[in-house]
Amino acid sequence: MSDTVATPTPAGPPPADRAQSFIDQAKAILSDLLEVKVVTGVGTIDVEITTDGDSTTTKLNTVKPLQESIVTVVKITDGDISTVISEGLVGNADLRAFHADQVAKSLTVLPDNLRALVAVAKSLLDLESGE
């Protein structure tokens, strides 16, 4: 018999990989908190909504690319607001008003997102300091 003892191999990725994975996940969460996107499309659209825990993902599936849409993206970090309106919808006042209302409603989530961002940052700082 041998007196050699095998060193157990830890399960999962090495600590450095786990740390990088955590950082990547934190970046994705922060990115989601810092951007509001509103899409108003005209055409045949299949909407797929999936939920994983507290996170909901919405996917828009179309048979062909939308010919008519209004898209607004608001980025909190730099204050950039971009809106793109298909030429065919420029004169559609009702649809443009609907889209503007959706953007306004979406922007009401920003204060909550900022509070959540501060809470995440505080938790990370508390974790780092051992509190």
N, C-alpha and C. Protein backbone atom coordinates (compact mmCIF):
# COMPACT_ATOMS: atom_id res chain seq x y z
N MET A 1 0.83 -1.19 0.00
CA MET A 1 0.00 0.00 0.00
C MET A 1 0.86 1.24 0.00
N SER A 2 0.34 2.26 -0.59
CA SER A 2 1.07 3.53 -0.66
C SER A 2 0.54 4.49 0.37
N ASP A 3 1.45 5.35 0.89
CA ASP A 3 1.05 6.38 1.84
C ASP A 3 0.67 7.68 1.14
N THR A 4 0.60 7.68 -0.17
CA THR A 4 0.31 8.89 -0.92
C THR A 4 -1.18 9.22 -0.81
N VAL A 5 -1.45 10.45 -0.51
CA VAL A 5 -2.84 10.90 -0.41
C VAL A 5 -3.11 11.84 -1.57
N ALA A 6 -4.16 11.58 -2.32
CA ALA A 6 -4.52 12.44 -3.46
C ALA A 6 -5.14 13.73 -2.94
N THR A 7 -4.73 14.82 -3.52
CA THR A 7 -5.31 16.12 -3.17
C THR A 7 -6.63 16.26 -3.90
N PRO A 8 -7.73 16.53 -3.17
CA PRO A 8 -9.02 16.66 -3.85
C PRO A 8 -9.04 17.87 -4.77
N THR A 9 -9.72 17.71 -5.89
CA THR A 9 -9.88 18.80 -6.85
C THR A 9 -11.14 19.56 -6.49
N PRO A 10 -11.03 20.90 -6.28
CA PRO A 10 -12.23 21.66 -5.93
C PRO A 10 -13.24 21.65 -7.07
N ALA A 11 -14.50 21.61 -6.71
CA ALA A 11 -15.57 21.63 -7.72
C ALA A 11 -15.73 23.03 -8.27
N GLY A 12 -16.11 23.10 -9.53
CA GLY A 12 -16.39 24.40 -10.13
C GLY A 12 -15.14 25.07 -10.68
N PRO A 13 -15.32 26.24 -11.26
CA PRO A 13 -14.19 26.96 -11.85
C PRO A 13 -13.26 27.48 -10.76
N PRO A 14 -12.01 27.79 -11.15
CA PRO A 14 -11.08 28.36 -10.18
C PRO A 14 -11.62 29.67 -9.63
N PRO A 15 -11.17 30.08 -8.41
CA PRO A 15 -11.68 31.32 -7.80
C PRO A 15 -11.59 32.53 -8.72
N ALA A 16 -10.52 32.67 -9.49
CA ALA A 16 -10.38 33.83 -10.38
C ALA A 16 -11.49 33.84 -11.43
N ASP A 17 -11.84 32.64 -11.95
CA ASP A 17 -12.91 32.55 -12.94
C ASP A 17 -14.26 32.90 -12.32
N ARG A 18 -14.49 32.45 -11.07
CA ARG A 18 -15.75 32.77 -10.39
C ARG A 18 -15.86 34.27 -10.16
N ALA A 19 -14.72 34.88 -9.79
CA ALA A 19 -14.73 36.33 -9.56
C ALA A 19 -15.04 37.07 -10.85
N GLN A 20 -14.44 36.63 -11.97
CA GLN A 20 -14.69 37.28 -13.26
C GLN A 20 -16.13 37.08 -13.67
N SER A 21 -16.67 35.88 -13.41
CA SER A 21 -18.06 35.60 -13.73
C SER A 21 -18.98 36.54 -12.94
N PHE A 22 -18.67 36.73 -11.66
CA PHE A 22 -19.47 37.63 -10.83
C PHE A 22 -19.40 39.06 -11.37
N ILE A 23 -18.20 39.49 -11.75
CA ILE A 23 -18.02 40.84 -12.30
C ILE A 23 -18.81 40.99 -13.58
N ASP A 24 -18.77 39.98 -14.44
CA ASP A 24 -19.52 40.04 -15.70
C ASP A 24 -21.03 40.11 -15.44
N GLN A 25 -21.50 39.33 -14.46
CA GLN A 25 -22.93 39.37 -14.10
C GLN A 25 -23.30 40.73 -13.53
N ALA A 26 -22.44 41.30 -12.69
CA ALA A 26 -22.71 42.61 -12.11
C ALA A 26 -22.77 43.67 -13.21
N LYS A 27 -21.86 43.60 -14.18
CA LYS A 27 -21.87 44.55 -15.29
C LYS A 27 -23.17 44.45 -16.08
N ALA A 28 -23.63 43.23 -16.33
CA ALA A 28 -24.88 43.04 -17.08
C ALA A 28 -26.06 43.62 -16.32
N ILE A 29 -26.10 43.40 -15.01
CA ILE A 29 -27.19 43.94 -14.19
C ILE A 29 -27.16 45.46 -14.21
N LEU A 30 -25.97 46.04 -14.04
CA LEU A 30 -25.84 47.50 -14.04
C LEU A 30 -26.22 48.07 -15.40
N SER A 31 -25.83 47.38 -16.46
CA SER A 31 -26.18 47.84 -17.80
C SER A 31 -27.69 47.87 -17.99
N ASP A 32 -28.38 46.83 -17.49
CA ASP A 32 -29.85 46.79 -17.57
C ASP A 32 -30.48 47.93 -16.78
N LEU A 33 -29.87 48.29 -15.66
CA LEU A 33 -30.42 49.35 -14.82
C LEU A 33 -30.21 50.73 -15.45
N LEU A 34 -29.22 50.84 -16.33
CA LEU A 34 -28.83 52.15 -16.84
C LEU A 34 -29.34 52.45 -18.25
N GLU A 35 -30.26 51.63 -18.76
CA GLU A 35 -30.78 51.88 -20.09
C GLU A 35 -32.27 51.56 -20.14
N VAL A 36 -33.01 52.46 -20.77
CA VAL A 36 -34.44 52.23 -21.01
C VAL A 36 -34.64 52.23 -22.52
N LYS A 37 -35.30 51.18 -23.02
CA LYS A 37 -35.52 51.07 -24.46
C LYS A 37 -37.01 50.84 -24.69
N VAL A 38 -37.59 51.66 -25.57
CA VAL A 38 -39.01 51.54 -25.92
C VAL A 38 -39.10 51.34 -27.42
N VAL A 39 -39.76 50.25 -27.83
CA VAL A 39 -39.92 49.95 -29.25
C VAL A 39 -41.42 49.86 -29.53
N THR A 40 -41.88 50.65 -30.50
CA THR A 40 -43.26 50.58 -30.97
C THR A 40 -43.18 50.13 -32.42
N GLY A 41 -43.67 48.92 -32.69
CA GLY A 41 -43.57 48.37 -34.03
C GLY A 41 -44.93 48.17 -34.65
N VAL A 42 -44.97 48.30 -35.97
CA VAL A 42 -46.19 48.07 -36.73
C VAL A 42 -45.93 46.90 -37.65
N GLY A 43 -46.75 45.89 -37.54
CA GLY A 43 -46.56 44.70 -38.37
C GLY A 43 -46.91 43.46 -37.58
N THR A 44 -46.62 42.31 -38.14
CA THR A 44 -46.89 41.04 -37.47
C THR A 44 -45.71 40.72 -36.57
N ILE A 45 -45.96 40.71 -35.27
CA ILE A 45 -44.90 40.50 -34.29
C ILE A 45 -45.35 39.44 -33.29
N ASP A 46 -44.49 38.45 -33.08
CA ASP A 46 -44.73 37.43 -32.06
C ASP A 46 -43.92 37.83 -30.84
N VAL A 47 -44.59 38.08 -29.72
CA VAL A 47 -43.92 38.52 -28.51
C VAL A 47 -43.72 37.32 -27.60
N GLU A 48 -42.45 37.10 -27.20
CA GLU A 48 -42.10 35.99 -26.32
C GLU A 48 -41.56 36.57 -25.01
N ILE A 49 -42.24 36.27 -23.90
CA ILE A 49 -41.83 36.78 -22.60
C ILE A 49 -41.41 35.60 -21.73
N THR A 50 -40.17 35.65 -21.22
CA THR A 50 -39.69 34.59 -20.33
C THR A 50 -39.26 35.22 -19.01
N THR A 51 -39.47 34.46 -17.94
CA THR A 51 -39.12 34.94 -16.61
C THR A 51 -38.17 33.95 -15.96
N ASP A 52 -37.10 34.49 -15.38
CA ASP A 52 -36.13 33.69 -14.64
C ASP A 52 -35.90 34.40 -13.31
N GLY A 53 -36.52 33.92 -12.26
CA GLY A 53 -36.42 34.59 -10.96
C GLY A 53 -37.12 35.93 -11.04
N ASP A 54 -36.39 37.01 -10.72
CA ASP A 54 -36.95 38.35 -10.76
C ASP A 54 -36.74 39.03 -12.11
N SER A 55 -36.07 38.36 -13.02
CA SER A 55 -35.72 38.95 -14.31
C SER A 55 -36.69 38.49 -15.40
N THR A 56 -37.17 39.44 -16.19
CA THR A 56 -38.05 39.13 -17.31
C THR A 56 -37.38 39.57 -18.60
N THR A 57 -37.41 38.68 -19.58
CA THR A 57 -36.83 38.98 -20.88
C THR A 57 -37.95 38.97 -21.91
N THR A 58 -37.98 39.99 -22.75
CA THR A 58 -38.97 40.08 -23.81
C THR A 58 -38.25 39.99 -25.14
N LYS A 59 -38.70 39.07 -25.97
CA LYS A 59 -38.11 38.90 -27.30
C LYS A 59 -39.19 39.12 -28.33
N LEU A 60 -38.90 39.96 -29.32
CA LEU A 60 -39.84 40.22 -30.40
C LEU A 60 -39.39 39.43 -31.62
N ASN A 61 -40.25 38.53 -32.08
CA ASN A 61 -39.94 37.72 -33.25
C ASN A 61 -40.80 38.19 -34.41
N THR A 62 -40.17 38.44 -35.54
CA THR A 62 -40.91 38.85 -36.73
C THR A 62 -40.54 37.93 -37.89
N VAL A 63 -41.49 37.70 -38.78
CA VAL A 63 -41.22 36.87 -39.95
C VAL A 63 -40.25 37.61 -40.87
N LYS A 64 -40.45 38.90 -40.98
CA LYS A 64 -39.54 39.74 -41.76
C LYS A 64 -39.24 40.99 -40.93
N PRO A 65 -38.16 41.67 -41.21
CA PRO A 65 -37.85 42.87 -40.43
C PRO A 65 -38.99 43.88 -40.48
N LEU A 66 -39.20 44.54 -39.35
CA LEU A 66 -40.27 45.55 -39.30
C LEU A 66 -39.96 46.68 -40.28
N GLN A 67 -40.96 47.02 -41.06
CA GLN A 67 -40.82 48.12 -42.00
C GLN A 67 -41.14 49.44 -41.35
N GLU A 68 -41.96 49.39 -40.30
CA GLU A 68 -42.43 50.60 -39.64
C GLU A 68 -42.23 50.45 -38.13
N SER A 69 -41.47 51.35 -37.54
CA SER A 69 -41.28 51.30 -36.09
C SER A 69 -40.78 52.63 -35.57
N ILE A 70 -40.96 52.78 -34.27
CA ILE A 70 -40.40 53.92 -33.54
C ILE A 70 -39.60 53.32 -32.39
N VAL A 71 -38.36 53.72 -32.26
CA VAL A 71 -37.49 53.19 -31.22
C VAL A 71 -36.87 54.35 -30.45
N THR A 72 -36.96 54.28 -29.12
CA THR A 72 -36.32 55.28 -28.27
C THR A 72 -35.44 54.55 -27.27
N VAL A 73 -34.20 55.01 -27.15
CA VAL A 73 -33.25 54.45 -26.18
C VAL A 73 -32.76 55.60 -25.31
N VAL A 74 -32.88 55.42 -23.98
CA VAL A 74 -32.42 56.42 -23.02
C VAL A 74 -31.28 55.79 -22.23
N LYS A 75 -30.10 56.42 -22.26
CA LYS A 75 -28.96 55.93 -21.49
C LYS A 75 -28.71 56.89 -20.34
N ILE A 76 -28.85 56.38 -19.12
CA ILE A 76 -28.73 57.21 -17.93
C ILE A 76 -27.32 57.74 -17.75
N THR A 77 -26.32 56.91 -18.02
CA THR A 77 -24.94 57.29 -17.72
C THR A 77 -24.49 58.55 -18.44
N ASP A 78 -24.92 58.72 -19.68
CA ASP A 78 -24.48 59.91 -20.41
C ASP A 78 -25.62 60.85 -20.77
N GLY A 79 -26.86 60.52 -20.34
CA GLY A 79 -28.00 61.39 -20.60
C GLY A 79 -28.45 61.38 -22.05
N ASP A 80 -27.96 60.42 -22.82
CA ASP A 80 -28.29 60.36 -24.24
C ASP A 80 -29.69 59.78 -24.44
N ILE A 81 -30.50 60.47 -25.23
CA ILE A 81 -31.83 59.99 -25.62
C ILE A 81 -31.86 59.96 -27.14
N SER A 82 -32.08 58.76 -27.70
CA SER A 82 -32.12 58.61 -29.15
C SER A 82 -33.48 58.06 -29.55
N THR A 83 -34.10 58.69 -30.54
CA THR A 83 -35.37 58.21 -31.08
C THR A 83 -35.24 58.10 -32.59
N VAL A 84 -35.67 56.96 -33.12
CA VAL A 84 -35.66 56.74 -34.57
C VAL A 84 -37.10 56.46 -34.98
N ILE A 85 -37.58 57.19 -35.98
CA ILE A 85 -38.96 57.04 -36.45
C ILE A 85 -38.92 56.69 -37.94
N SER A 86 -39.56 55.57 -38.29
CA SER A 86 -39.65 55.21 -39.70
C SER A 86 -40.37 56.31 -40.46
N GLU A 87 -39.94 56.55 -41.67
CA GLU A 87 -40.51 57.63 -42.48
C GLU A 87 -42.02 57.53 -42.61
N GLY A 88 -42.52 56.30 -42.72
CA GLY A 88 -43.96 56.10 -42.88
C GLY A 88 -44.77 56.43 -41.64
N LEU A 89 -44.12 56.56 -40.49
CA LEU A 89 -44.84 56.87 -39.25
C LEU A 89 -44.71 58.32 -38.81
N VAL A 90 -43.94 59.10 -39.53
CA VAL A 90 -43.74 60.50 -39.15
C VAL A 90 -45.06 61.24 -39.07
N GLY A 91 -45.97 60.97 -39.96
CA GLY A 91 -47.26 61.66 -39.98
C GLY A 91 -48.35 61.01 -39.13
N ASN A 92 -48.03 59.90 -38.47
CA ASN A 92 -49.04 59.19 -37.67
C ASN A 92 -49.01 59.74 -36.24
N ALA A 93 -49.77 60.80 -36.03
CA ALA A 93 -49.76 61.50 -34.74
C ALA A 93 -50.22 60.60 -33.60
N ASP A 94 -51.22 59.75 -33.85
CA ASP A 94 -51.72 58.88 -32.78
C ASP A 94 -50.66 57.88 -32.32
N LEU A 95 -49.99 57.26 -33.26
CA LEU A 95 -48.96 56.28 -32.90
C LEU A 95 -47.76 56.97 -32.24
N ARG A 96 -47.40 58.14 -32.74
CA ARG A 96 -46.29 58.87 -32.13
C ARG A 96 -46.64 59.30 -30.71
N ALA A 97 -47.90 59.72 -30.48
CA ALA A 97 -48.33 60.09 -29.13
C ALA A 97 -48.34 58.87 -28.22
N PHE A 98 -48.78 57.73 -28.74
CA PHE A 98 -48.76 56.49 -27.97
C PHE A 98 -47.32 56.15 -27.56
N HIS A 99 -46.40 56.24 -28.51
CA HIS A 99 -44.99 55.94 -28.23
C HIS A 99 -44.43 56.90 -27.18
N ALA A 100 -44.72 58.18 -27.33
CA ALA A 100 -44.23 59.18 -26.37
C ALA A 100 -44.77 58.88 -24.97
N ASP A 101 -46.02 58.44 -24.89
CA ASP A 101 -46.61 58.08 -23.60
C ASP A 101 -45.89 56.86 -23.00
N GLN A 102 -45.57 55.89 -23.84
CA GLN A 102 -44.85 54.70 -23.38
C GLN A 102 -43.46 55.07 -22.87
N VAL A 103 -42.79 55.99 -23.56
CA VAL A 103 -41.47 56.44 -23.13
C VAL A 103 -41.59 57.13 -21.77
N ALA A 104 -42.58 58.02 -21.62
CA ALA A 104 -42.77 58.73 -20.35
C ALA A 104 -43.02 57.74 -19.21
N LYS A 105 -43.86 56.74 -19.45
CA LYS A 105 -44.13 55.73 -18.43
C LYS A 105 -42.87 54.93 -18.10
N SER A 106 -42.11 54.61 -19.11
CA SER A 106 -40.88 53.85 -18.90
C SER A 106 -39.87 54.63 -18.08
N LEU A 107 -39.83 55.93 -18.28
CA LEU A 107 -38.85 56.75 -17.56
C LEU A 107 -39.19 56.89 -16.08
N THR A 108 -40.44 56.57 -15.73
CA THR A 108 -40.78 56.63 -14.31
C THR A 108 -40.06 55.55 -13.51
N VAL A 109 -39.53 54.53 -14.17
CA VAL A 109 -38.78 53.47 -13.46
C VAL A 109 -37.37 53.91 -13.12
N LEU A 110 -36.89 54.99 -13.72
CA LEU A 110 -35.50 55.41 -13.50
C LEU A 110 -35.16 55.67 -12.03
N PRO A 111 -35.98 56.38 -11.28
CA PRO A 111 -35.62 56.59 -9.86
C PRO A 111 -35.47 55.27 -9.10
N ASP A 112 -36.36 54.31 -9.38
CA ASP A 112 -36.25 53.01 -8.73
C ASP A 112 -34.97 52.29 -9.16
N ASN A 113 -34.64 52.39 -10.45
CA ASN A 113 -33.40 51.78 -10.93
C ASN A 113 -32.17 52.41 -10.27
N LEU A 114 -32.19 53.72 -10.12
CA LEU A 114 -31.05 54.38 -9.48
C LEU A 114 -30.93 53.97 -8.01
N ARG A 115 -32.06 53.86 -7.32
CA ARG A 115 -32.03 53.38 -5.93
C ARG A 115 -31.48 51.96 -5.87
N ALA A 116 -31.89 51.12 -6.80
CA ALA A 116 -31.40 49.74 -6.84
C ALA A 116 -29.90 49.72 -7.12
N LEU A 117 -29.45 50.60 -7.99
CA LEU A 117 -28.02 50.70 -8.30
C LEU A 117 -27.21 51.08 -7.07
N VAL A 118 -27.70 52.06 -6.33
CA VAL A 118 -27.03 52.49 -5.10
C VAL A 118 -27.02 51.34 -4.08
N ALA A 119 -28.12 50.61 -3.98
CA ALA A 119 -28.20 49.49 -3.03
C ALA A 119 -27.20 48.40 -3.40
N VAL A 120 -27.08 48.10 -4.70
CA VAL A 120 -26.11 47.09 -5.15
C VAL A 120 -24.70 47.55 -4.84
N ALA A 121 -24.39 48.80 -5.16
CA ALA A 121 -23.05 49.32 -4.88
C ALA A 121 -22.74 49.28 -3.39
N LYS A 122 -23.71 49.66 -2.56
CA LYS A 122 -23.51 49.64 -1.11
C LYS A 122 -23.28 48.22 -0.62
N SER A 123 -24.06 47.27 -1.13
CA SER A 123 -23.88 45.87 -0.75
C SER A 123 -22.50 45.36 -1.12
N LEU A 124 -22.04 45.72 -2.31
CA LEU A 124 -20.71 45.30 -2.74
C LEU A 124 -19.63 45.90 -1.85
N LEU A 125 -19.78 47.17 -1.50
CA LEU A 125 -18.80 47.81 -0.63
C LEU A 125 -18.83 47.19 0.77
N ASP A 126 -20.03 46.90 1.28
CA ASP A 126 -20.15 46.25 2.59
C ASP A 126 -19.52 44.86 2.56
N LEU A 127 -19.75 44.13 1.46
CA LEU A 127 -19.18 42.80 1.31
C LEU A 127 -17.66 42.87 1.29
N GLU A 128 -17.15 43.85 0.55
CA GLU A 128 -15.69 44.00 0.44
C GLU A 128 -15.06 44.37 1.78
N SER A 129 -15.75 45.20 2.57
CA SER A 129 -15.20 45.64 3.86
C SER A 129 -15.49 44.63 4.97
N GLY A 130 -16.24 43.56 4.66
CA GLY A 130 -16.51 42.53 5.64
C GLY A 130 -17.66 42.80 6.57
N GLU A 131 -18.48 43.77 6.29
CA GLU A 131 -19.63 44.09 7.15
C GLU A 131 -20.78 43.16 6.91
